[in-house]
Amino acid sequence: MSADAPAVPPSLPVTAHAGWQAYHAMLASKTAYFDFLAALDRKTLAGGQRTLAEIAHLDSRLREHTEAVGCFRTAMANLAASDLAARDALVAVIGELNQTLGVEPKPRLH
């Protein structure tokens, strides 16, 4: 388990643990990208210019996030194919987590 990911909820089936880790890796990469982007925005608002190294670092952060999203999608697809109940349990736990983070759930379309 990553040092940054919270402990796996005891209610989550073992088969869903990889999805839990992938979700938190995705959150961490998103935070890293947007934190660096915000720092660059503050710099430009203060009259500074982005350096080539900063632009390259931002691109790297975006690639890392894109990869993390792909890993999460793959983990969810694999879980849905192998253990639908575990996938549903993971979705429920993520939904509860997002409520504590203040993220509004999207309406179901089906």
PDB file of N, CA and C in Angstrom:
ATOM      1  N   MET A   1       0.840  -1.184   0.000  1.00  0.00           N
ATOM      2  CA  MET A   1       0.000   0.000   0.000  1.00  0.00           C
ATOM      3  C   MET A   1       0.880   1.241   0.000  1.00  0.00           C
ATOM      4  N   SER A   2       0.437   2.231  -0.753  1.00  0.00           N
ATOM      5  CA  SER A   2       1.149   3.501  -0.823  1.00  0.00           C
ATOM      6  C   SER A   2       1.028   4.229   0.511  1.00  0.00           C
ATOM      7  N   ALA A   3       2.062   4.970   0.866  1.00  0.00           N
ATOM      8  CA  ALA A   3       2.033   5.730   2.113  1.00  0.00           C
ATOM      9  C   ALA A   3       0.970   6.827   2.054  1.00  0.00           C
ATOM     10  N   ASP A   4       0.606   7.270   0.839  1.00  0.00           N
ATOM     11  CA  ASP A   4      -0.355   8.351   0.691  1.00  0.00           C
ATOM     12  C   ASP A   4      -1.807   7.873   0.718  1.00  0.00           C
ATOM     13  N   ALA A   5      -2.042   6.609   0.423  1.00  0.00           N
ATOM     14  CA  ALA A   5      -3.411   6.098   0.365  1.00  0.00           C
ATOM     15  C   ALA A   5      -3.893   5.768   1.764  1.00  0.00           C
ATOM     16  N   PRO A   6      -5.134   6.127   2.060  1.00  0.00           N
ATOM     17  CA  PRO A   6      -5.695   5.736   3.359  1.00  0.00           C
ATOM     18  C   PRO A   6      -5.802   4.221   3.440  1.00  0.00           C
ATOM     19  N   ALA A   7      -5.924   3.739   4.659  1.00  0.00           N
ATOM     20  CA  ALA A   7      -6.087   2.300   4.853  1.00  0.00           C
ATOM     21  C   ALA A   7      -7.322   1.826   4.096  1.00  0.00           C
ATOM     22  N   VAL A   8      -7.234   0.613   3.624  1.00  0.00           N
ATOM     23  CA  VAL A   8      -8.357   0.017   2.904  1.00  0.00           C
ATOM     24  C   VAL A   8      -9.494  -0.202   3.899  1.00  0.00           C
ATOM     25  N   PRO A   9     -10.703   0.255   3.572  1.00  0.00           N
ATOM     26  CA  PRO A   9     -11.831   0.034   4.483  1.00  0.00           C
ATOM     27  C   PRO A   9     -12.048  -1.464   4.708  1.00  0.00           C
ATOM     28  N   PRO A  10     -12.308  -1.867   5.936  1.00  0.00           N
ATOM     29  CA  PRO A  10     -12.483  -3.287   6.224  1.00  0.00           C
ATOM     30  C   PRO A  10     -13.639  -3.924   5.442  1.00  0.00           C
ATOM     31  N   SER A  11     -14.607  -3.137   5.051  1.00  0.00           N
ATOM     32  CA  SER A  11     -15.761  -3.667   4.321  1.00  0.00           C
ATOM     33  C   SER A  11     -15.443  -3.966   2.857  1.00  0.00           C
ATOM     34  N   LEU A  12     -14.296  -3.513   2.387  1.00  0.00           N
ATOM     35  CA  LEU A  12     -13.955  -3.676   0.974  1.00  0.00           C
ATOM     36  C   LEU A  12     -13.361  -5.063   0.719  1.00  0.00           C
ATOM     37  N   PRO A  13     -13.932  -5.812  -0.214  1.00  0.00           N
ATOM     38  CA  PRO A  13     -13.386  -7.146  -0.512  1.00  0.00           C
ATOM     39  C   PRO A  13     -11.942  -7.064  -0.998  1.00  0.00           C
ATOM     40  N   VAL A  14     -11.178  -8.097  -0.712  1.00  0.00           N
ATOM     41  CA  VAL A  14      -9.763  -8.140  -1.098  1.00  0.00           C
ATOM     42  C   VAL A  14      -9.602  -7.926  -2.599  1.00  0.00           C
ATOM     43  N   THR A  15     -10.525  -8.443  -3.385  1.00  0.00           N
ATOM     44  CA  THR A  15     -10.411  -8.305  -4.838  1.00  0.00           C
ATOM     45  C   THR A  15     -10.529  -6.852  -5.301  1.00  0.00           C
ATOM     46  N   ALA A  16     -11.030  -5.976  -4.450  1.00  0.00           N
ATOM     47  CA  ALA A  16     -11.194  -4.561  -4.806  1.00  0.00           C
ATOM     48  C   ALA A  16     -10.034  -3.690  -4.321  1.00  0.00           C
ATOM     49  N   HIS A  17      -9.078  -4.282  -3.613  1.00  0.00           N
ATOM     50  CA  HIS A  17      -7.983  -3.486  -3.055  1.00  0.00           C
ATOM     51  C   HIS A  17      -7.139  -2.807  -4.130  1.00  0.00           C
ATOM     52  N   ALA A  18      -6.885  -3.483  -5.244  1.00  0.00           N
ATOM     53  CA  ALA A  18      -6.091  -2.865  -6.316  1.00  0.00           C
ATOM     54  C   ALA A  18      -6.821  -1.644  -6.879  1.00  0.00           C
ATOM     55  N   GLY A  19      -8.128  -1.724  -7.002  1.00  0.00           N
ATOM     56  CA  GLY A  19      -8.915  -0.585  -7.466  1.00  0.00           C
ATOM     57  C   GLY A  19      -8.855   0.575  -6.488  1.00  0.00           C
ATOM     58  N   TRP A  20      -8.878   0.257  -5.188  1.00  0.00           N
ATOM     59  CA  TRP A  20      -8.770   1.279  -4.136  1.00  0.00           C
ATOM     60  C   TRP A  20      -7.430   2.005  -4.256  1.00  0.00           C
ATOM     61  N   GLN A  21      -6.355   1.239  -4.428  1.00  0.00           N
ATOM     62  CA  GLN A  21      -5.028   1.837  -4.564  1.00  0.00           C
ATOM     63  C   GLN A  21      -4.944   2.681  -5.840  1.00  0.00           C
ATOM     64  N   ALA A  22      -5.505   2.166  -6.923  1.00  0.00           N
ATOM     65  CA  ALA A  22      -5.477   2.903  -8.196  1.00  0.00           C
ATOM     66  C   ALA A  22      -6.262   4.202  -8.084  1.00  0.00           C
ATOM     67  N   TYR A  23      -7.381   4.172  -7.366  1.00  0.00           N
ATOM     68  CA  TYR A  23      -8.177   5.387  -7.188  1.00  0.00           C
ATOM     69  C   TYR A  23      -7.371   6.447  -6.446  1.00  0.00           C
ATOM     70  N   HIS A  24      -6.694   6.039  -5.394  1.00  0.00           N
ATOM     71  CA  HIS A  24      -5.921   7.014  -4.620  1.00  0.00           C
ATOM     72  C   HIS A  24      -4.681   7.495  -5.366  1.00  0.00           C
ATOM     73  N   ALA A  25      -4.097   6.644  -6.190  1.00  0.00           N
ATOM     74  CA  ALA A  25      -2.985   7.097  -7.031  1.00  0.00           C
ATOM     75  C   ALA A  25      -3.486   8.145  -8.019  1.00  0.00           C
ATOM     76  N   MET A  26      -4.700   7.939  -8.532  1.00  0.00           N
ATOM     77  CA  MET A  26      -5.292   8.899  -9.462  1.00  0.00           C
ATOM     78  C   MET A  26      -5.558  10.236  -8.754  1.00  0.00           C
ATOM     79  N   LEU A  27      -6.088  10.177  -7.540  1.00  0.00           N
ATOM     80  CA  LEU A  27      -6.322  11.419  -6.780  1.00  0.00           C
ATOM     81  C   LEU A  27      -5.010  12.156  -6.511  1.00  0.00           C
ATOM     82  N   ALA A  28      -3.973  11.403  -6.157  1.00  0.00           N
ATOM     83  CA  ALA A  28      -2.676  12.022  -5.854  1.00  0.00           C
ATOM     84  C   ALA A  28      -2.080  12.677  -7.095  1.00  0.00           C
ATOM     85  N   SER A  29      -2.192  12.013  -8.233  1.00  0.00           N
ATOM     86  CA  SER A  29      -1.622  12.593  -9.457  1.00  0.00           C
ATOM     87  C   SER A  29      -2.415  13.826  -9.892  1.00  0.00           C
ATOM     88  N   LYS A  30      -3.714  13.799  -9.677  1.00  0.00           N
ATOM     89  CA  LYS A  30      -4.553  14.963 -10.005  1.00  0.00           C
ATOM     90  C   LYS A  30      -4.164  16.150  -9.119  1.00  0.00           C
ATOM     91  N   THR A  31      -4.002  15.891  -7.837  1.00  0.00           N
ATOM     92  CA  THR A  31      -3.615  16.953  -6.905  1.00  0.00           C
ATOM     93  C   THR A  31      -2.248  17.522  -7.266  1.00  0.00           C
ATOM     94  N   ALA A  32      -1.305  16.644  -7.580  1.00  0.00           N
ATOM     95  CA  ALA A  32       0.045  17.105  -7.937  1.00  0.00           C
ATOM     96  C   ALA A  32      -0.001  17.992  -9.179  1.00  0.00           C
ATOM     97  N   TYR A  33      -0.776  17.584 -10.171  1.00  0.00           N
ATOM     98  CA  TYR A  33      -0.874  18.369 -11.406  1.00  0.00           C
ATOM     99  C   TYR A  33      -1.490  19.741 -11.132  1.00  0.00           C
ATOM    100  N   PHE A  34      -2.647  19.752 -10.463  1.00  0.00           N
ATOM    101  CA  PHE A  34      -3.328  21.023 -10.261  1.00  0.00           C
ATOM    102  C   PHE A  34      -2.610  21.928  -9.269  1.00  0.00           C
ATOM    103  N   ASP A  35      -1.923  21.354  -8.292  1.00  0.00           N
ATOM    104  CA  ASP A  35      -1.132  22.183  -7.378  1.00  0.00           C
ATOM    105  C   ASP A  35       0.000  22.891  -8.125  1.00  0.00           C
ATOM    106  N   PHE A  36       0.678  22.158  -9.002  1.00  0.00           N
ATOM    107  CA  PHE A  36       1.772  22.772  -9.761  1.00  0.00           C
ATOM    108  C   PHE A  36       1.229  23.790 -10.753  1.00  0.00           C
ATOM    109  N   LEU A  37       0.107  23.475 -11.398  1.00  0.00           N
ATOM    110  CA  LEU A  37      -0.517  24.420 -12.322  1.00  0.00           C
ATOM    111  C   LEU A  37      -0.910  25.704 -11.594  1.00  0.00           C
ATOM    112  N   ALA A  38      -1.466  25.581 -10.396  1.00  0.00           N
ATOM    113  CA  ALA A  38      -1.846  26.765  -9.616  1.00  0.00           C
ATOM    114  C   ALA A  38      -0.618  27.602  -9.249  1.00  0.00           C
ATOM    115  N   ALA A  39       0.474  26.927  -8.908  1.00  0.00           N
ATOM    116  CA  ALA A  39       1.707  27.659  -8.588  1.00  0.00           C
ATOM    117  C   ALA A  39       2.204  28.430  -9.800  1.00  0.00           C
ATOM    118  N   LEU A  40       2.131  27.801 -10.965  1.00  0.00           N
ATOM    119  CA  LEU A  40       2.551  28.503 -12.186  1.00  0.00           C
ATOM    120  C   LEU A  40       1.617  29.663 -12.496  1.00  0.00           C
ATOM    121  N   ASP A  41       0.337  29.489 -12.271  1.00  0.00           N
ATOM    122  CA  ASP A  41      -0.611  30.582 -12.495  1.00  0.00           C
ATOM    123  C   ASP A  41      -0.315  31.758 -11.569  1.00  0.00           C
ATOM    124  N   ARG A  42      -0.018  31.458 -10.296  1.00  0.00           N
ATOM    125  CA  ARG A  42       0.328  32.541  -9.361  1.00  0.00           C
ATOM    126  C   ARG A  42       1.579  33.269  -9.836  1.00  0.00           C
ATOM    127  N   LYS A  43       2.526  32.516 -10.349  1.00  0.00           N
ATOM    128  CA  LYS A  43       3.775  33.112 -10.841  1.00  0.00           C
ATOM    129  C   LYS A  43       3.484  34.050 -12.011  1.00  0.00           C
ATOM    130  N   THR A  44       2.657  33.608 -12.971  1.00  0.00           N
ATOM    131  CA  THR A  44       2.380  34.454 -14.135  1.00  0.00           C
ATOM    132  C   THR A  44       1.530  35.664 -13.750  1.00  0.00           C
ATOM    133  N   LEU A  45       0.619  35.482 -12.790  1.00  0.00           N
ATOM    134  CA  LEU A  45      -0.188  36.627 -12.336  1.00  0.00           C
ATOM    135  C   LEU A  45       0.678  37.673 -11.640  1.00  0.00           C
ATOM    136  N   ALA A  46       1.783  37.231 -11.054  1.00  0.00           N
ATOM    137  CA  ALA A  46       2.714  38.150 -10.399  1.00  0.00           C
ATOM    138  C   ALA A  46       3.719  38.737 -11.387  1.00  0.00           C
ATOM    139  N   GLY A  47       3.547  38.433 -12.681  1.00  0.00           N
ATOM    140  CA  GLY A  47       4.411  39.013 -13.694  1.00  0.00           C
ATOM    141  C   GLY A  47       5.538  38.105 -14.155  1.00  0.00           C
ATOM    142  N   GLY A  48       5.629  36.926 -13.594  1.00  0.00           N
ATOM    143  CA  GLY A  48       6.692  36.011 -13.993  1.00  0.00           C
ATOM    144  C   GLY A  48       6.316  35.237 -15.250  1.00  0.00           C
ATOM    145  N   GLN A  49       7.280  34.530 -15.776  1.00  0.00           N
ATOM    146  CA  GLN A  49       7.050  33.695 -16.947  1.00  0.00           C
ATOM    147  C   GLN A  49       7.425  32.258 -16.603  1.00  0.00           C
ATOM    148  N   ARG A  50       6.694  31.333 -17.220  1.00  0.00           N
ATOM    149  CA  ARG A  50       7.004  29.922 -17.040  1.00  0.00           C
ATOM    150  C   ARG A  50       8.318  29.600 -17.748  1.00  0.00           C
ATOM    151  N   THR A  51       9.144  28.829 -17.079  1.00  0.00           N
ATOM    152  CA  THR A  51      10.392  28.393 -17.712  1.00  0.00           C
ATOM    153  C   THR A  51      10.122  27.117 -18.506  1.00  0.00           C
ATOM    154  N   LEU A  52      11.049  26.783 -19.380  1.00  0.00           N
ATOM    155  CA  LEU A  52      10.917  25.539 -20.133  1.00  0.00           C
ATOM    156  C   LEU A  52      10.895  24.337 -19.190  1.00  0.00           C
ATOM    157  N   ALA A  53      11.687  24.402 -18.134  1.00  0.00           N
ATOM    158  CA  ALA A  53      11.707  23.303 -17.160  1.00  0.00           C
ATOM    159  C   ALA A  53      10.351  23.172 -16.466  1.00  0.00           C
ATOM    160  N   GLU A  54       9.738  24.295 -16.140  1.00  0.00           N
ATOM    161  CA  GLU A  54       8.422  24.251 -15.496  1.00  0.00           C
ATOM    162  C   GLU A  54       7.358  23.698 -16.445  1.00  0.00           C
ATOM    163  N   ILE A  55       7.422  24.099 -17.686  1.00  0.00           N
ATOM    164  CA  ILE A  55       6.470  23.588 -18.680  1.00  0.00           C
ATOM    165  C   ILE A  55       6.656  22.087 -18.850  1.00  0.00           C
ATOM    166  N   ALA A  56       7.890  21.641 -18.902  1.00  0.00           N
ATOM    167  CA  ALA A  56       8.171  20.209 -19.029  1.00  0.00           C
ATOM    168  C   ALA A  56       7.684  19.455 -17.798  1.00  0.00           C
ATOM    169  N   HIS A  57       7.868  20.042 -16.623  1.00  0.00           N
ATOM    170  CA  HIS A  57       7.412  19.401 -15.388  1.00  0.00           C
ATOM    171  C   HIS A  57       5.885  19.306 -15.367  1.00  0.00           C
ATOM    172  N   LEU A  58       5.217  20.349 -15.797  1.00  0.00           N
ATOM    173  CA  LEU A  58       3.759  20.329 -15.856  1.00  0.00           C
ATOM    174  C   LEU A  58       3.280  19.254 -16.832  1.00  0.00           C
ATOM    175  N   ASP A  59       3.927  19.166 -17.974  1.00  0.00           N
ATOM    176  CA  ASP A  59       3.594  18.115 -18.949  1.00  0.00           C
ATOM    177  C   ASP A  59       3.795  16.735 -18.342  1.00  0.00           C
ATOM    178  N   SER A  60       4.853  16.574 -17.592  1.00  0.00           N
ATOM    179  CA  SER A  60       5.141  15.297 -16.947  1.00  0.00           C
ATOM    180  C   SER A  60       4.049  14.946 -15.934  1.00  0.00           C
ATOM    181  N   ARG A  61       3.632  15.947 -15.171  1.00  0.00           N
ATOM    182  CA  ARG A  61       2.552  15.722 -14.194  1.00  0.00           C
ATOM    183  C   ARG A  61       1.262  15.320 -14.899  1.00  0.00           C
ATOM    184  N   LEU A  62       0.972  15.927 -16.035  1.00  0.00           N
ATOM    185  CA  LEU A  62      -0.240  15.573 -16.772  1.00  0.00           C
ATOM    186  C   LEU A  62      -0.141  14.145 -17.314  1.00  0.00           C
ATOM    187  N   ARG A  63       1.028  13.777 -17.818  1.00  0.00           N
ATOM    188  CA  ARG A  63       1.214  12.393 -18.296  1.00  0.00           C
ATOM    189  C   ARG A  63       1.049  11.398 -17.157  1.00  0.00           C
ATOM    190  N   GLU A  64       1.596  11.732 -15.991  1.00  0.00           N
ATOM    191  CA  GLU A  64       1.446  10.858 -14.821  1.00  0.00           C
ATOM    192  C   GLU A  64      -0.026  10.690 -14.461  1.00  0.00           C
ATOM    193  N   HIS A  65      -0.774  11.782 -14.502  1.00  0.00           N
ATOM    194  CA  HIS A  65      -2.195  11.695 -14.170  1.00  0.00           C
ATOM    195  C   HIS A  65      -2.949  10.884 -15.223  1.00  0.00           C
ATOM    196  N   THR A  66      -2.641  11.117 -16.477  1.00  0.00           N
ATOM    197  CA  THR A  66      -3.292  10.363 -17.549  1.00  0.00           C
ATOM    198  C   THR A  66      -3.031   8.863 -17.369  1.00  0.00           C
ATOM    199  N   GLU A  67      -1.811   8.513 -17.014  1.00  0.00           N
ATOM    200  CA  GLU A  67      -1.472   7.109 -16.773  1.00  0.00           C
ATOM    201  C   GLU A  67      -2.237   6.565 -15.562  1.00  0.00           C
ATOM    202  N   ALA A  68      -2.347   7.367 -14.507  1.00  0.00           N
ATOM    203  CA  ALA A  68      -3.070   6.928 -13.313  1.00  0.00           C
ATOM    204  C   ALA A  68      -4.554   6.719 -13.613  1.00  0.00           C
ATOM    205  N   VAL A  69      -5.133   7.591 -14.426  1.00  0.00           N
ATOM    206  CA  VAL A  69      -6.533   7.422 -14.827  1.00  0.00           C
ATOM    207  C   VAL A  69      -6.690   6.115 -15.601  1.00  0.00           C
ATOM    208  N   GLY A  70      -5.764   5.843 -16.501  1.00  0.00           N
ATOM    209  CA  GLY A  70      -5.813   4.602 -17.261  1.00  0.00           C
ATOM    210  C   GLY A  70      -5.711   3.379 -16.369  1.00  0.00           C
ATOM    211  N   CYS A  71      -4.838   3.429 -15.382  1.00  0.00           N
ATOM    212  CA  CYS A  71      -4.696   2.312 -14.441  1.00  0.00           C
ATOM    213  C   CYS A  71      -5.981   2.101 -13.639  1.00  0.00           C
ATOM    214  N   PHE A  72      -6.601   3.196 -13.231  1.00  0.00           N
ATOM    215  CA  PHE A  72      -7.862   3.073 -12.490  1.00  0.00           C
ATOM    216  C   PHE A  72      -8.951   2.477 -13.377  1.00  0.00           C
ATOM    217  N   ARG A  73      -9.037   2.970 -14.606  1.00  0.00           N
ATOM    218  CA  ARG A  73     -10.044   2.429 -15.532  1.00  0.00           C
ATOM    219  C   ARG A  73      -9.828   0.938 -15.771  1.00  0.00           C
ATOM    220  N   THR A  74      -8.579   0.547 -15.943  1.00  0.00           N
ATOM    221  CA  THR A  74      -8.262  -0.863 -16.143  1.00  0.00           C
ATOM    222  C   THR A  74      -8.623  -1.684 -14.911  1.00  0.00           C
ATOM    223  N   ALA A  75      -8.282  -1.175 -13.739  1.00  0.00           N
ATOM    224  CA  ALA A  75      -8.613  -1.884 -12.495  1.00  0.00           C
ATOM    225  C   ALA A  75     -10.123  -2.056 -12.356  1.00  0.00           C
ATOM    226  N   MET A  76     -10.870  -1.011 -12.689  1.00  0.00           N
ATOM    227  CA  MET A  76     -12.332  -1.099 -12.580  1.00  0.00           C
ATOM    228  C   MET A  76     -12.902  -2.076 -13.611  1.00  0.00           C
ATOM    229  N   ALA A  77     -12.376  -2.064 -14.821  1.00  0.00           N
ATOM    230  CA  ALA A  77     -12.851  -2.981 -15.863  1.00  0.00           C
ATOM    231  C   ALA A  77     -12.542  -4.426 -15.479  1.00  0.00           C
ATOM    232  N   ASN A  78     -11.336  -4.650 -14.967  1.00  0.00           N
ATOM    233  CA  ASN A  78     -10.967  -5.996 -14.538  1.00  0.00           C
ATOM    234  C   ASN A  78     -11.844  -6.464 -13.389  1.00  0.00           C
ATOM    235  N   LEU A  79     -12.120  -5.584 -12.465  1.00  0.00           N
ATOM    236  CA  LEU A  79     -12.959  -5.927 -11.325  1.00  0.00           C
ATOM    237  C   LEU A  79     -14.387  -6.212 -11.772  1.00  0.00           C
ATOM    238  N   ALA A  80     -14.888  -5.409 -12.690  1.00  0.00           N
ATOM    239  CA  ALA A  80     -16.250  -5.627 -13.195  1.00  0.00           C
ATOM    240  C   ALA A  80     -16.351  -6.968 -13.911  1.00  0.00           C
ATOM    241  N   ALA A  81     -15.279  -7.369 -14.579  1.00  0.00           N
ATOM    242  CA  ALA A  81     -15.294  -8.637 -15.309  1.00  0.00           C
ATOM    243  C   ALA A  81     -15.135  -9.842 -14.389  1.00  0.00           C
ATOM    244  N   SER A  82     -14.479  -9.646 -13.243  1.00  0.00           N
ATOM    245  CA  SER A  82     -14.176 -10.787 -12.383  1.00  0.00           C
ATOM    246  C   SER A  82     -15.032 -10.878 -11.121  1.00  0.00           C
ATOM    247  N   ASP A  83     -15.465  -9.734 -10.596  1.00  0.00           N
ATOM    248  CA  ASP A  83     -16.201  -9.738  -9.326  1.00  0.00           C
ATOM    249  C   ASP A  83     -17.075  -8.480  -9.262  1.00  0.00           C
ATOM    250  N   LEU A  84     -18.244  -8.577  -9.849  1.00  0.00           N
ATOM    251  CA  LEU A  84     -19.135  -7.415  -9.942  1.00  0.00           C
ATOM    252  C   LEU A  84     -19.535  -6.887  -8.564  1.00  0.00           C
ATOM    253  N   ALA A  85     -19.740  -7.779  -7.612  1.00  0.00           N
ATOM    254  CA  ALA A  85     -20.115  -7.339  -6.258  1.00  0.00           C
ATOM    255  C   ALA A  85     -18.991  -6.529  -5.618  1.00  0.00           C
ATOM    256  N   ALA A  86     -17.744  -6.948  -5.838  1.00  0.00           N
ATOM    257  CA  ALA A  86     -16.603  -6.203  -5.307  1.00  0.00           C
ATOM    258  C   ALA A  86     -16.482  -4.849  -5.996  1.00  0.00           C
ATOM    259  N   ARG A  87     -16.737  -4.811  -7.306  1.00  0.00           N
ATOM    260  CA  ARG A  87     -16.715  -3.538  -8.029  1.00  0.00           C
ATOM    261  C   ARG A  87     -17.773  -2.600  -7.457  1.00  0.00           C
ATOM    262  N   ASP A  88     -18.966  -3.119  -7.222  1.00  0.00           N
ATOM    263  CA  ASP A  88     -20.036  -2.292  -6.656  1.00  0.00           C
ATOM    264  C   ASP A  88     -19.674  -1.808  -5.256  1.00  0.00           C
ATOM    265  N   ALA A  89     -19.024  -2.654  -4.471  1.00  0.00           N
ATOM    266  CA  ALA A  89     -18.599  -2.250  -3.131  1.00  0.00           C
ATOM    267  C   ALA A  89     -17.567  -1.124  -3.216  1.00  0.00           C
ATOM    268  N   LEU A  90     -16.643  -1.233  -4.168  1.00  0.00           N
ATOM    269  CA  LEU A  90     -15.636  -0.188  -4.344  1.00  0.00           C
ATOM    270  C   LEU A  90     -16.289   1.120  -4.774  1.00  0.00           C
ATOM    271  N   VAL A  91     -17.217   1.046  -5.695  1.00  0.00           N
ATOM    272  CA  VAL A  91     -17.927   2.255  -6.139  1.00  0.00           C
ATOM    273  C   VAL A  91     -18.649   2.900  -4.955  1.00  0.00           C
ATOM    274  N   ALA A  92     -19.259   2.095  -4.100  1.00  0.00           N
ATOM    275  CA  ALA A  92     -19.965   2.638  -2.926  1.00  0.00           C
ATOM    276  C   ALA A  92     -18.991   3.319  -1.972  1.00  0.00           C
ATOM    277  N   VAL A  93     -17.839   2.695  -1.727  1.00  0.00           N
ATOM    278  CA  VAL A  93     -16.842   3.278  -0.821  1.00  0.00           C
ATOM    279  C   VAL A  93     -16.297   4.579  -1.401  1.00  0.00           C
ATOM    280  N   ILE A  94     -16.032   4.584  -2.702  1.00  0.00           N
ATOM    281  CA  ILE A  94     -15.547   5.808  -3.350  1.00  0.00           C
ATOM    282  C   ILE A  94     -16.614   6.900  -3.263  1.00  0.00           C
ATOM    283  N   GLY A  95     -17.867   6.528  -3.449  1.00  0.00           N
ATOM    284  CA  GLY A  95     -18.960   7.501  -3.325  1.00  0.00           C
ATOM    285  C   GLY A  95     -19.020   8.108  -1.940  1.00  0.00           C
ATOM    286  N   GLU A  96     -18.860   7.272  -0.913  1.00  0.00           N
ATOM    287  CA  GLU A  96     -18.848   7.782   0.464  1.00  0.00           C
ATOM    288  C   GLU A  96     -17.665   8.711   0.691  1.00  0.00           C
ATOM    289  N   LEU A  97     -16.508   8.331   0.170  1.00  0.00           N
ATOM    290  CA  LEU A  97     -15.317   9.166   0.301  1.00  0.00           C
ATOM    291  C   LEU A  97     -15.528  10.515  -0.373  1.00  0.00           C
ATOM    292  N   ASN A  98     -16.088  10.489  -1.570  1.00  0.00           N
ATOM    293  CA  ASN A  98     -16.313  11.737  -2.300  1.00  0.00           C
ATOM    294  C   ASN A  98     -17.303  12.640  -1.577  1.00  0.00           C
ATOM    295  N   GLN A  99     -18.276  12.060  -0.884  1.00  0.00           N
ATOM    296  CA  GLN A  99     -19.204  12.884  -0.109  1.00  0.00           C
ATOM    297  C   GLN A  99     -18.465  13.603   1.006  1.00  0.00           C
ATOM    298  N   THR A 100     -17.508  12.926   1.646  1.00  0.00           N
ATOM    299  CA  THR A 100     -16.752  13.586   2.710  1.00  0.00           C
ATOM    300  C   THR A 100     -15.822  14.650   2.148  1.00  0.00           C
ATOM    301  N   LEU A 101     -15.443  14.508   0.866  1.00  0.00           N
ATOM    302  CA  LEU A 101     -14.588  15.508   0.216  1.00  0.00           C
ATOM    303  C   LEU A 101     -15.407  16.658  -0.372  1.00  0.00           C
ATOM    304  N   GLY A 102     -16.732  16.526  -0.322  1.00  0.00           N
ATOM    305  CA  GLY A 102     -17.595  17.572  -0.854  1.00  0.00           C
ATOM    306  C   GLY A 102     -17.822  17.472  -2.346  1.00  0.00           C
ATOM    307  N   VAL A 103     -17.595  16.308  -2.940  1.00  0.00           N
ATOM    308  CA  VAL A 103     -17.798  16.116  -4.377  1.00  0.00           C
ATOM    309  C   VAL A 103     -19.233  15.650  -4.589  1.00  0.00           C
ATOM    310  N   GLU A 104     -19.964  16.370  -5.415  1.00  0.00           N
ATOM    311  CA  GLU A 104     -21.348  15.996  -5.701  1.00  0.00           C
ATOM    312  C   GLU A 104     -21.378  14.823  -6.669  1.00  0.00           C
ATOM    313  N   PRO A 105     -22.177  13.794  -6.349  1.00  0.00           N
ATOM    314  CA  PRO A 105     -22.261  12.672  -7.292  1.00  0.00           C
ATOM    315  C   PRO A 105     -22.987  13.082  -8.573  1.00  0.00           C
ATOM    316  N   LYS A 106     -22.582  12.467  -9.691  1.00  0.00           N
ATOM    317  CA  LYS A 106     -23.260  12.719 -10.956  1.00  0.00           C
ATOM    318  C   LYS A 106     -24.552  11.925 -10.984  1.00  0.00           C
ATOM    319  N   PRO A 107     -25.597  12.478 -11.570  1.00  0.00           N
ATOM    320  CA  PRO A 107     -26.853  11.727 -11.642  1.00  0.00           C
ATOM    321  C   PRO A 107     -26.684  10.493 -12.515  1.00  0.00           C
ATOM    322  N   ARG A 108     -27.365   9.435 -12.145  1.00  0.00           N
ATOM    323  CA  ARG A 108     -27.328   8.203 -12.929  1.00  0.00           C
ATOM    324  C   ARG A 108     -28.155   8.421 -14.178  1.00  0.00           C
ATOM    325  N   LEU A 109     -27.637   7.954 -15.290  1.00  0.00           N
ATOM    326  CA  LEU A 109     -28.326   8.148 -16.573  1.00  0.00           C
ATOM    327  C   LEU A 109     -29.090   6.925 -17.006  1.00  0.00           C
ATOM    328  N   HIS A 110     -29.077   5.883 -16.221  1.00  0.00           N
ATOM    329  CA  HIS A 110     -29.816   4.672 -16.603  1.00  0.00           C
ATOM    330  C   HIS A 110     -30.744   4.227 -15.512  1.00  0.00           C
TER     331      HIS A 110
END
